[in-house]
Amino acid sequence: MNIFVILKRTFDTEEKIVVSNGQISEDGAEFIINPYDEYAVEEAIQLRDAHGGEVTVVTVATTDEADKELRTALAMGADKAVLINTEDDLEEGDQFTTAKILAEYLKDKDADIILGGNVAIDGGSGQVGPRVAEILDIPYVTTITKLDIDGSTVTVVRDVEGDSEVIETTLPLLVTCQQGLNEPRYPSLPGIMKAKKKPLDELELDDLDLDEDDVEAKTKTIEIYLPPKKEAGRVLEGDLEDQVKELVSLLHNEAKVV
């Protein structure tokens, strides 16, 4: 099987994030593979091991430092990696930009299946995977929690707001992966050593016969800001009847929800 994983480099949201002048400061920030994309990498490796073929991970980034996350995917067990570096070509991009670039790269690769994360933890739009599939004119299924392939027939279980939906479709196919699909492996020391020798190609827009106008963002981020800090809670005292009266008063006069 010819398997591709579309992967994103994201901020580690468990680390402190600093917002300055309406933008996230990258100074001292920690970056990781988008956690939902880890499910995609793991599933791709399991598919290759079961059906043969190879796994290629692809990312679009504005820095060559994204090779660190690609090397992590290679250490997990992927076979090849591709970094499409837009640092010298684009000032800003959005989901359309990323999808257009990825689709242009993938259009002649004869992919049997393309996997990605359900959403990115930094943006959370969930748009890139479906957009890529639309441009390539192939079926797609989102938020999958189970995947079975028998020849060219694919049976997928997807999460639908607390319930499950079973879908049957055919290859080629794009899916986006949800928590519960698998348990991503940690890179082993031998895997890390092997990853250093695996191919990691770096491309630019010119290599894809694209220019800036072809991938110009359709949206613009005006400002990024952290949510306001929550005020400390209040403990109501006195008899139960008095507490209820005070609570109703607070909800009405301060919270203004009743």
C-alpha atoms as a PDB file:
ATOM      1  CA  MET A   1       0.000   0.000   0.000  1.00  0.00           C
ATOM      2  CA  ASN A   2       1.075   3.540  -0.726  1.00  0.00           C
ATOM      3  CA  ILE A   3       0.272   5.312   2.552  1.00  0.00           C
ATOM      4  CA  PHE A   4       0.631   9.017   3.313  1.00  0.00           C
ATOM      5  CA  VAL A   5       0.205  10.903   6.570  1.00  0.00           C
ATOM      6  CA  ILE A   6      -0.379  14.663   6.586  1.00  0.00           C
ATOM      7  CA  LEU A   7       1.168  16.009   9.769  1.00  0.00           C
ATOM      8  CA  LYS A   8       1.313  19.353  11.532  1.00  0.00           C
ATOM      9  CA  ARG A   9       3.884  20.863  13.878  1.00  0.00           C
ATOM     10  CA  THR A  10       2.042  22.483  16.786  1.00  0.00           C
ATOM     11  CA  PHE A  11       2.726  24.269  20.051  1.00  0.00           C
ATOM     12  CA  ASP A  12       2.843  21.999  23.071  1.00  0.00           C
ATOM     13  CA  THR A  13      -0.255  23.269  24.850  1.00  0.00           C
ATOM     14  CA  GLU A  14       0.881  21.668  28.111  1.00  0.00           C
ATOM     15  CA  GLU A  15       3.727  24.174  28.207  1.00  0.00           C
ATOM     16  CA  LYS A  16       3.308  27.880  28.974  1.00  0.00           C
ATOM     17  CA  ILE A  17       2.177  29.864  25.939  1.00  0.00           C
ATOM     18  CA  VAL A  18       2.960  33.573  25.772  1.00  0.00           C
ATOM     19  CA  VAL A  19       0.886  35.919  23.627  1.00  0.00           C
ATOM     20  CA  SER A  20       2.561  39.191  22.688  1.00  0.00           C
ATOM     21  CA  ASN A  21       1.153  41.914  20.424  1.00  0.00           C
ATOM     22  CA  GLY A  22      -1.686  39.666  19.320  1.00  0.00           C
ATOM     23  CA  GLN A  23       0.608  36.813  18.291  1.00  0.00           C
ATOM     24  CA  ILE A  24       1.922  33.691  19.977  1.00  0.00           C
ATOM     25  CA  SER A  25       5.569  34.166  20.865  1.00  0.00           C
ATOM     26  CA  GLU A  26       7.731  31.310  19.571  1.00  0.00           C
ATOM     27  CA  ASP A  27      10.698  32.297  21.733  1.00  0.00           C
ATOM     28  CA  GLY A  28      11.300  29.410  24.097  1.00  0.00           C
ATOM     29  CA  ALA A  29       8.114  27.639  22.983  1.00  0.00           C
ATOM     30  CA  GLU A  30       8.017  23.856  22.753  1.00  0.00           C
ATOM     31  CA  PHE A  31       6.790  22.221  19.550  1.00  0.00           C
ATOM     32  CA  ILE A  32       5.434  18.717  19.039  1.00  0.00           C
ATOM     33  CA  ILE A  33       3.591  16.574  16.523  1.00  0.00           C
ATOM     34  CA  ASN A  34      -0.068  17.529  16.696  1.00  0.00           C
ATOM     35  CA  PRO A  35      -1.387  14.816  19.082  1.00  0.00           C
ATOM     36  CA  TYR A  36      -4.242  13.781  16.775  1.00  0.00           C
ATOM     37  CA  ASP A  37      -1.701  13.292  13.991  1.00  0.00           C
ATOM     38  CA  GLU A  38       0.100  10.765  16.188  1.00  0.00           C
ATOM     39  CA  TYR A  39      -2.957   8.507  15.850  1.00  0.00           C
ATOM     40  CA  ALA A  40      -2.640   8.891  12.075  1.00  0.00           C
ATOM     41  CA  VAL A  41       1.054   7.954  12.109  1.00  0.00           C
ATOM     42  CA  GLU A  42       0.399   4.919  14.302  1.00  0.00           C
ATOM     43  CA  GLU A  43      -2.495   3.721  12.149  1.00  0.00           C
ATOM     44  CA  ALA A  44      -0.420   4.177   8.993  1.00  0.00           C
ATOM     45  CA  ILE A  45       2.383   2.034  10.435  1.00  0.00           C
ATOM     46  CA  GLN A  46      -0.087  -0.673  11.451  1.00  0.00           C
ATOM     47  CA  LEU A  47      -1.625  -0.658   7.960  1.00  0.00           C
ATOM     48  CA  ARG A  48       1.796  -1.017   6.352  1.00  0.00           C
ATOM     49  CA  ASP A  49       2.724  -3.872   8.659  1.00  0.00           C
ATOM     50  CA  ALA A  50      -0.547  -5.659   7.854  1.00  0.00           C
ATOM     51  CA  HIS A  51      -0.773  -4.990   4.106  1.00  0.00           C
ATOM     52  CA  GLY A  52       2.776  -4.115   3.022  1.00  0.00           C
ATOM     53  CA  GLY A  53       3.928  -0.945   1.283  1.00  0.00           C
ATOM     54  CA  GLU A  54       5.449   2.192   2.788  1.00  0.00           C
ATOM     55  CA  VAL A  55       4.492   5.177   4.907  1.00  0.00           C
ATOM     56  CA  THR A  56       5.410   8.736   3.953  1.00  0.00           C
ATOM     57  CA  VAL A  57       4.749  11.623   6.347  1.00  0.00           C
ATOM     58  CA  VAL A  58       4.318  15.106   4.875  1.00  0.00           C
ATOM     59  CA  THR A  59       4.136  18.507   6.524  1.00  0.00           C
ATOM     60  CA  VAL A  60       3.815  22.112   5.384  1.00  0.00           C
ATOM     61  CA  ALA A  61       5.726  24.502   7.637  1.00  0.00           C
ATOM     62  CA  THR A  62       7.258  27.956   7.705  1.00  0.00           C
ATOM     63  CA  THR A  63      10.538  26.726   9.166  1.00  0.00           C
ATOM     64  CA  ASP A  64      13.034  23.978   8.488  1.00  0.00           C
ATOM     65  CA  GLU A  65      12.913  23.199  12.223  1.00  0.00           C
ATOM     66  CA  ALA A  66       9.803  21.127  11.473  1.00  0.00           C
ATOM     67  CA  ASP A  67      12.193  18.341  10.502  1.00  0.00           C
ATOM     68  CA  LYS A  68      12.348  17.501  14.226  1.00  0.00           C
ATOM     69  CA  GLU A  69       8.699  16.415  14.271  1.00  0.00           C
ATOM     70  CA  LEU A  70       9.156  14.533  10.995  1.00  0.00           C
ATOM     71  CA  ARG A  71      12.151  12.690  12.458  1.00  0.00           C
ATOM     72  CA  THR A  72       9.958  11.731  15.420  1.00  0.00           C
ATOM     73  CA  ALA A  73       7.443  10.182  13.007  1.00  0.00           C
ATOM     74  CA  LEU A  74      10.294   8.356  11.272  1.00  0.00           C
ATOM     75  CA  ALA A  75      11.493   7.094  14.652  1.00  0.00           C
ATOM     76  CA  MET A  76       7.987   5.777  15.321  1.00  0.00           C
ATOM     77  CA  GLY A  77       8.329   3.679  12.166  1.00  0.00           C
ATOM     78  CA  ALA A  78       7.406   5.749   9.103  1.00  0.00           C
ATOM     79  CA  ASP A  79       9.595   5.083   6.052  1.00  0.00           C
ATOM     80  CA  LYS A  80      10.021   8.518   4.463  1.00  0.00           C
ATOM     81  CA  ALA A  81       9.318  12.161   5.260  1.00  0.00           C
ATOM     82  CA  VAL A  82       8.752  15.306   3.235  1.00  0.00           C
ATOM     83  CA  LEU A  83       8.994  18.891   4.504  1.00  0.00           C
ATOM     84  CA  ILE A  84       7.394  21.532   2.282  1.00  0.00           C
ATOM     85  CA  ASN A  85       9.033  24.696   3.587  1.00  0.00           C
ATOM     86  CA  THR A  86       7.175  27.925   2.798  1.00  0.00           C
ATOM     87  CA  GLU A  87       9.368  30.207   4.920  1.00  0.00           C
ATOM     88  CA  ASP A  88      10.779  32.106   1.919  1.00  0.00           C
ATOM     89  CA  ASP A  89       7.536  32.121  -0.075  1.00  0.00           C
ATOM     90  CA  LEU A  90       4.644  32.974   2.245  1.00  0.00           C
ATOM     91  CA  GLU A  91       4.102  35.509   4.994  1.00  0.00           C
ATOM     92  CA  GLU A  92       0.740  34.095   6.030  1.00  0.00           C
ATOM     93  CA  GLY A  93      -1.341  31.052   5.241  1.00  0.00           C
ATOM     94  CA  ASP A  94      -4.541  29.369   6.332  1.00  0.00           C
ATOM     95  CA  GLN A  95      -6.290  26.014   5.932  1.00  0.00           C
ATOM     96  CA  PHE A  96      -6.855  26.659   2.224  1.00  0.00           C
ATOM     97  CA  THR A  97      -3.149  27.371   1.776  1.00  0.00           C
ATOM     98  CA  THR A  98      -2.049  24.186   3.512  1.00  0.00           C
ATOM     99  CA  ALA A  99      -4.611  22.004   1.743  1.00  0.00           C
ATOM    100  CA  LYS A 100      -3.740  23.409  -1.677  1.00  0.00           C
ATOM    101  CA  ILE A 101      -0.023  22.744  -1.155  1.00  0.00           C
ATOM    102  CA  LEU A 102      -0.564  19.234   0.194  1.00  0.00           C
ATOM    103  CA  ALA A 103      -2.961  18.338  -2.619  1.00  0.00           C
ATOM    104  CA  GLU A 104      -0.523  19.602  -5.231  1.00  0.00           C
ATOM    105  CA  TYR A 105       2.180  17.393  -3.739  1.00  0.00           C
ATOM    106  CA  LEU A 106      -0.108  14.349  -3.455  1.00  0.00           C
ATOM    107  CA  LYS A 107      -1.919  14.590  -6.796  1.00  0.00           C
ATOM    108  CA  ASP A 108       0.492  12.323  -8.702  1.00  0.00           C
ATOM    109  CA  LYS A 109       1.614  10.074  -5.855  1.00  0.00           C
ATOM    110  CA  ASP A 110      -1.036   7.346  -6.408  1.00  0.00           C
ATOM    111  CA  ALA A 111      -1.847   7.248  -2.691  1.00  0.00           C
ATOM    112  CA  ASP A 112      -4.017   4.344  -1.595  1.00  0.00           C
ATOM    113  CA  ILE A 113      -4.873   6.016   1.686  1.00  0.00           C
ATOM    114  CA  ILE A 114      -4.097   9.385   3.278  1.00  0.00           C
ATOM    115  CA  LEU A 115      -4.392   9.808   7.038  1.00  0.00           C
ATOM    116  CA  GLY A 116      -4.399  12.932   9.164  1.00  0.00           C
ATOM    117  CA  GLY A 117      -5.475  14.094  12.592  1.00  0.00           C
ATOM    118  CA  ASN A 118      -9.092  14.984  13.230  1.00  0.00           C
ATOM    119  CA  VAL A 119      -8.140  18.518  14.293  1.00  0.00           C
ATOM    120  CA  ALA A 120      -5.010  20.467  15.165  1.00  0.00           C
ATOM    121  CA  ILE A 121      -4.836  21.502  18.814  1.00  0.00           C
ATOM    122  CA  ASP A 122      -3.699  25.022  17.903  1.00  0.00           C
ATOM    123  CA  GLY A 123      -6.368  25.907  15.351  1.00  0.00           C
ATOM    124  CA  GLY A 124      -9.007  23.237  15.786  1.00  0.00           C
ATOM    125  CA  SER A 125     -10.725  23.850  12.446  1.00  0.00           C
ATOM    126  CA  GLY A 126     -10.575  20.271  11.151  1.00  0.00           C
ATOM    127  CA  GLN A 127     -10.588  21.636   7.591  1.00  0.00           C
ATOM    128  CA  VAL A 128      -7.299  20.582   6.028  1.00  0.00           C
ATOM    129  CA  GLY A 129      -7.999  16.868   5.547  1.00  0.00           C
ATOM    130  CA  PRO A 130     -11.439  17.296   3.943  1.00  0.00           C
ATOM    131  CA  ARG A 131     -10.132  20.128   1.762  1.00  0.00           C
ATOM    132  CA  VAL A 132      -7.282  17.933   0.486  1.00  0.00           C
ATOM    133  CA  ALA A 133      -9.741  15.146  -0.350  1.00  0.00           C
ATOM    134  CA  GLU A 134     -12.041  17.552  -2.176  1.00  0.00           C
ATOM    135  CA  ILE A 135      -9.188  18.884  -4.314  1.00  0.00           C
ATOM    136  CA  LEU A 136      -7.989  15.341  -5.098  1.00  0.00           C
ATOM    137  CA  ASP A 137     -11.606  14.250  -5.736  1.00  0.00           C
ATOM    138  CA  ILE A 138     -11.417  11.199  -3.460  1.00  0.00           C
ATOM    139  CA  PRO A 139     -13.761  10.015  -0.664  1.00  0.00           C
ATOM    140  CA  TYR A 140     -13.046  11.058   2.912  1.00  0.00           C
ATOM    141  CA  VAL A 141     -14.300  10.094   6.350  1.00  0.00           C
ATOM    142  CA  THR A 142     -13.591  12.168   9.469  1.00  0.00           C
ATOM    143  CA  THR A 143     -13.188  11.385  13.180  1.00  0.00           C
ATOM    144  CA  ILE A 144     -12.593   7.672  12.675  1.00  0.00           C
ATOM    145  CA  THR A 145     -12.128   5.296  15.615  1.00  0.00           C
ATOM    146  CA  LYS A 146     -11.745   2.033  13.678  1.00  0.00           C
ATOM    147  CA  LEU A 147     -10.432   1.161  10.214  1.00  0.00           C
ATOM    148  CA  ASP A 148     -10.543  -2.191   8.378  1.00  0.00           C
ATOM    149  CA  ILE A 149      -9.293  -2.711   4.835  1.00  0.00           C
ATOM    150  CA  ASP A 150     -10.170  -5.771   2.717  1.00  0.00           C
ATOM    151  CA  GLY A 151      -8.760  -5.402  -0.760  1.00  0.00           C
ATOM    152  CA  SER A 152     -10.092  -2.094  -2.031  1.00  0.00           C
ATOM    153  CA  THR A 153     -13.067  -2.092   0.356  1.00  0.00           C
ATOM    154  CA  VAL A 154     -12.783  -0.071   3.564  1.00  0.00           C
ATOM    155  CA  THR A 155     -15.045  -0.270   6.610  1.00  0.00           C
ATOM    156  CA  VAL A 156     -14.785   2.681   8.956  1.00  0.00           C
ATOM    157  CA  VAL A 157     -16.287   3.431  12.347  1.00  0.00           C
ATOM    158  CA  ARG A 158     -16.511   7.136  13.080  1.00  0.00           C
ATOM    159  CA  ASP A 159     -17.362   9.078  16.199  1.00  0.00           C
ATOM    160  CA  VAL A 160     -20.553  11.127  15.949  1.00  0.00           C
ATOM    161  CA  GLU A 161     -21.082  13.137  19.131  1.00  0.00           C
ATOM    162  CA  GLY A 162     -21.017  10.270  21.607  1.00  0.00           C
ATOM    163  CA  ASP A 163     -22.359   7.628  19.220  1.00  0.00           C
ATOM    164  CA  SER A 164     -20.793   5.632  16.361  1.00  0.00           C
ATOM    165  CA  GLU A 165     -21.484   5.426  12.646  1.00  0.00           C
ATOM    166  CA  VAL A 166     -20.285   2.590  10.387  1.00  0.00           C
ATOM    167  CA  ILE A 167     -19.377   3.543   6.820  1.00  0.00           C
ATOM    168  CA  GLU A 168     -18.245   1.361   3.919  1.00  0.00           C
ATOM    169  CA  THR A 169     -16.240   2.970   1.145  1.00  0.00           C
ATOM    170  CA  THR A 170     -13.388   2.228  -1.248  1.00  0.00           C
ATOM    171  CA  LEU A 171      -9.761   3.138  -1.830  1.00  0.00           C
ATOM    172  CA  PRO A 172      -8.271   5.619  -2.535  1.00  0.00           C
ATOM    173  CA  LEU A 173      -9.476   7.325   0.618  1.00  0.00           C
ATOM    174  CA  LEU A 174      -8.611  10.074   3.095  1.00  0.00           C
ATOM    175  CA  VAL A 175      -9.458   9.671   6.778  1.00  0.00           C
ATOM    176  CA  THR A 176      -8.938  11.869   9.822  1.00  0.00           C
ATOM    177  CA  CYS A 177      -8.152  10.104  13.082  1.00  0.00           C
ATOM    178  CA  GLN A 178      -9.793  10.488  16.472  1.00  0.00           C
ATOM    179  CA  GLN A 179      -8.717   9.481  19.970  1.00  0.00           C
ATOM    180  CA  GLY A 180      -9.576   5.824  20.554  1.00  0.00           C
ATOM    181  CA  LEU A 181      -8.410   4.622  17.138  1.00  0.00           C
ATOM    182  CA  ASN A 182      -5.161   3.262  18.590  1.00  0.00           C
ATOM    183  CA  GLU A 183      -2.433   3.951  21.134  1.00  0.00           C
ATOM    184  CA  PRO A 184       0.497   5.753  19.471  1.00  0.00           C
ATOM    185  CA  ARG A 185       3.848   4.169  20.194  1.00  0.00           C
ATOM    186  CA  TYR A 186       6.823   5.982  21.665  1.00  0.00           C
ATOM    187  CA  PRO A 187       9.922   6.148  19.485  1.00  0.00           C
ATOM    188  CA  SER A 188      12.406   3.490  20.642  1.00  0.00           C
ATOM    189  CA  LEU A 189      16.148   4.067  20.792  1.00  0.00           C
ATOM    190  CA  PRO A 190      16.742   1.785  17.773  1.00  0.00           C
ATOM    191  CA  GLY A 191      13.945   3.633  15.977  1.00  0.00           C
ATOM    192  CA  ILE A 192      15.567   6.988  16.740  1.00  0.00           C
ATOM    193  CA  MET A 193      18.909   5.751  15.391  1.00  0.00           C
ATOM    194  CA  LYS A 194      17.294   4.361  12.227  1.00  0.00           C
ATOM    195  CA  ALA A 195      15.369   7.608  11.698  1.00  0.00           C
ATOM    196  CA  LYS A 196      18.640   9.480  11.189  1.00  0.00           C
ATOM    197  CA  LYS A 197      19.290   7.438   8.043  1.00  0.00           C
ATOM    198  CA  LYS A 198      15.773   7.515   6.599  1.00  0.00           C
ATOM    199  CA  PRO A 199      15.092   9.929   3.705  1.00  0.00           C
ATOM    200  CA  LEU A 200      13.736  13.386   4.565  1.00  0.00           C
ATOM    201  CA  ASP A 201      13.199  15.535   1.482  1.00  0.00           C
ATOM    202  CA  GLU A 202      12.715  19.304   1.649  1.00  0.00           C
ATOM    203  CA  LEU A 203      10.677  21.062  -1.020  1.00  0.00           C
ATOM    204  CA  GLU A 204       9.590  24.620  -1.735  1.00  0.00           C
ATOM    205  CA  LEU A 205       6.616  26.006  -3.654  1.00  0.00           C
ATOM    206  CA  ASP A 206       8.686  26.245  -6.834  1.00  0.00           C
ATOM    207  CA  ASP A 207       9.264  22.505  -6.701  1.00  0.00           C
ATOM    208  CA  LEU A 208       5.499  22.022  -6.879  1.00  0.00           C
ATOM    209  CA  ASP A 209       5.044  24.585  -9.687  1.00  0.00           C
ATOM    210  CA  LEU A 210       3.115  26.808  -7.297  1.00  0.00           C
ATOM    211  CA  ASP A 211       3.531  30.496  -6.626  1.00  0.00           C
ATOM    212  CA  GLU A 212       2.271  32.699  -3.809  1.00  0.00           C
ATOM    213  CA  ASP A 213      -0.880  33.736  -5.674  1.00  0.00           C
ATOM    214  CA  ASP A 214      -1.937  30.096  -6.090  1.00  0.00           C
ATOM    215  CA  VAL A 215      -2.019  29.523  -2.348  1.00  0.00           C
ATOM    216  CA  GLU A 216      -2.959  32.960  -1.039  1.00  0.00           C
ATOM    217  CA  ALA A 217      -4.844  32.702   2.256  1.00  0.00           C
ATOM    218  CA  LYS A 218      -8.619  33.119   2.101  1.00  0.00           C
ATOM    219  CA  THR A 219      -8.851  34.232   5.722  1.00  0.00           C
ATOM    220  CA  LYS A 220      -6.847  36.517   7.992  1.00  0.00           C
ATOM    221  CA  THR A 221      -6.209  36.196  11.720  1.00  0.00           C
ATOM    222  CA  ILE A 222      -6.772  39.616  13.278  1.00  0.00           C
ATOM    223  CA  GLU A 223      -5.731  38.872  16.833  1.00  0.00           C
ATOM    224  CA  ILE A 224      -4.819  36.015  19.150  1.00  0.00           C
ATOM    225  CA  TYR A 225      -5.429  36.328  22.886  1.00  0.00           C
ATOM    226  CA  LEU A 226      -5.636  34.153  25.960  1.00  0.00           C
ATOM    227  CA  PRO A 227      -9.007  33.736  27.696  1.00  0.00           C
ATOM    228  CA  PRO A 228      -9.503  35.948  30.761  1.00  0.00           C
ATOM    229  CA  LYS A 229      -8.484  34.474  34.084  1.00  0.00           C
ATOM    230  CA  LYS A 230     -11.324  33.070  36.104  1.00  0.00           C
ATOM    231  CA  GLU A 231     -12.134  34.869  39.306  1.00  0.00           C
ATOM    232  CA  ALA A 232     -11.852  32.965  42.562  1.00  0.00           C
ATOM    233  CA  GLY A 233     -14.989  31.126  43.602  1.00  0.00           C
ATOM    234  CA  ARG A 234     -17.117  32.235  46.524  1.00  0.00           C
ATOM    235  CA  VAL A 235     -18.246  30.034  49.391  1.00  0.00           C
ATOM    236  CA  LEU A 236     -21.730  30.832  50.619  1.00  0.00           C
ATOM    237  CA  GLU A 237     -22.265  30.617  54.357  1.00  0.00           C
ATOM    238  CA  GLY A 238     -25.227  30.579  56.734  1.00  0.00           C
ATOM    239  CA  ASP A 239     -28.423  28.572  56.725  1.00  0.00           C
ATOM    240  CA  LEU A 240     -29.408  26.745  53.566  1.00  0.00           C
ATOM    241  CA  GLU A 241     -32.340  29.084  52.986  1.00  0.00           C
ATOM    242  CA  ASP A 242     -30.074  32.135  53.253  1.00  0.00           C
ATOM    243  CA  GLN A 243     -27.518  30.533  50.912  1.00  0.00           C
ATOM    244  CA  VAL A 244     -30.206  29.892  48.293  1.00  0.00           C
ATOM    245  CA  LYS A 245     -31.410  33.506  48.472  1.00  0.00           C
ATOM    246  CA  GLU A 246     -27.850  34.819  48.150  1.00  0.00           C
ATOM    247  CA  LEU A 247     -27.122  32.487  45.258  1.00  0.00           C
ATOM    248  CA  VAL A 248     -30.218  33.621  43.354  1.00  0.00           C
ATOM    249  CA  SER A 249     -29.286  37.244  43.994  1.00  0.00           C
ATOM    250  CA  LEU A 250     -25.729  36.711  42.729  1.00  0.00           C
ATOM    251  CA  LEU A 251     -26.892  34.886  39.619  1.00  0.00           C
ATOM    252  CA  HIS A 252     -29.327  37.670  38.879  1.00  0.00           C
ATOM    253  CA  ASN A 253     -27.322  40.790  39.764  1.00  0.00           C
ATOM    254  CA  GLU A 254     -23.705  39.775  39.115  1.00  0.00           C
ATOM    255  CA  ALA A 255     -23.669  36.831  36.749  1.00  0.00           C
ATOM    256  CA  LYS A 256     -26.856  38.093  35.051  1.00  0.00           C
ATOM    257  CA  VAL A 257     -27.875  34.590  34.006  1.00  0.00           C
ATOM    258  CA  VAL A 258     -31.322  34.558  35.633  1.00  0.00           C
END
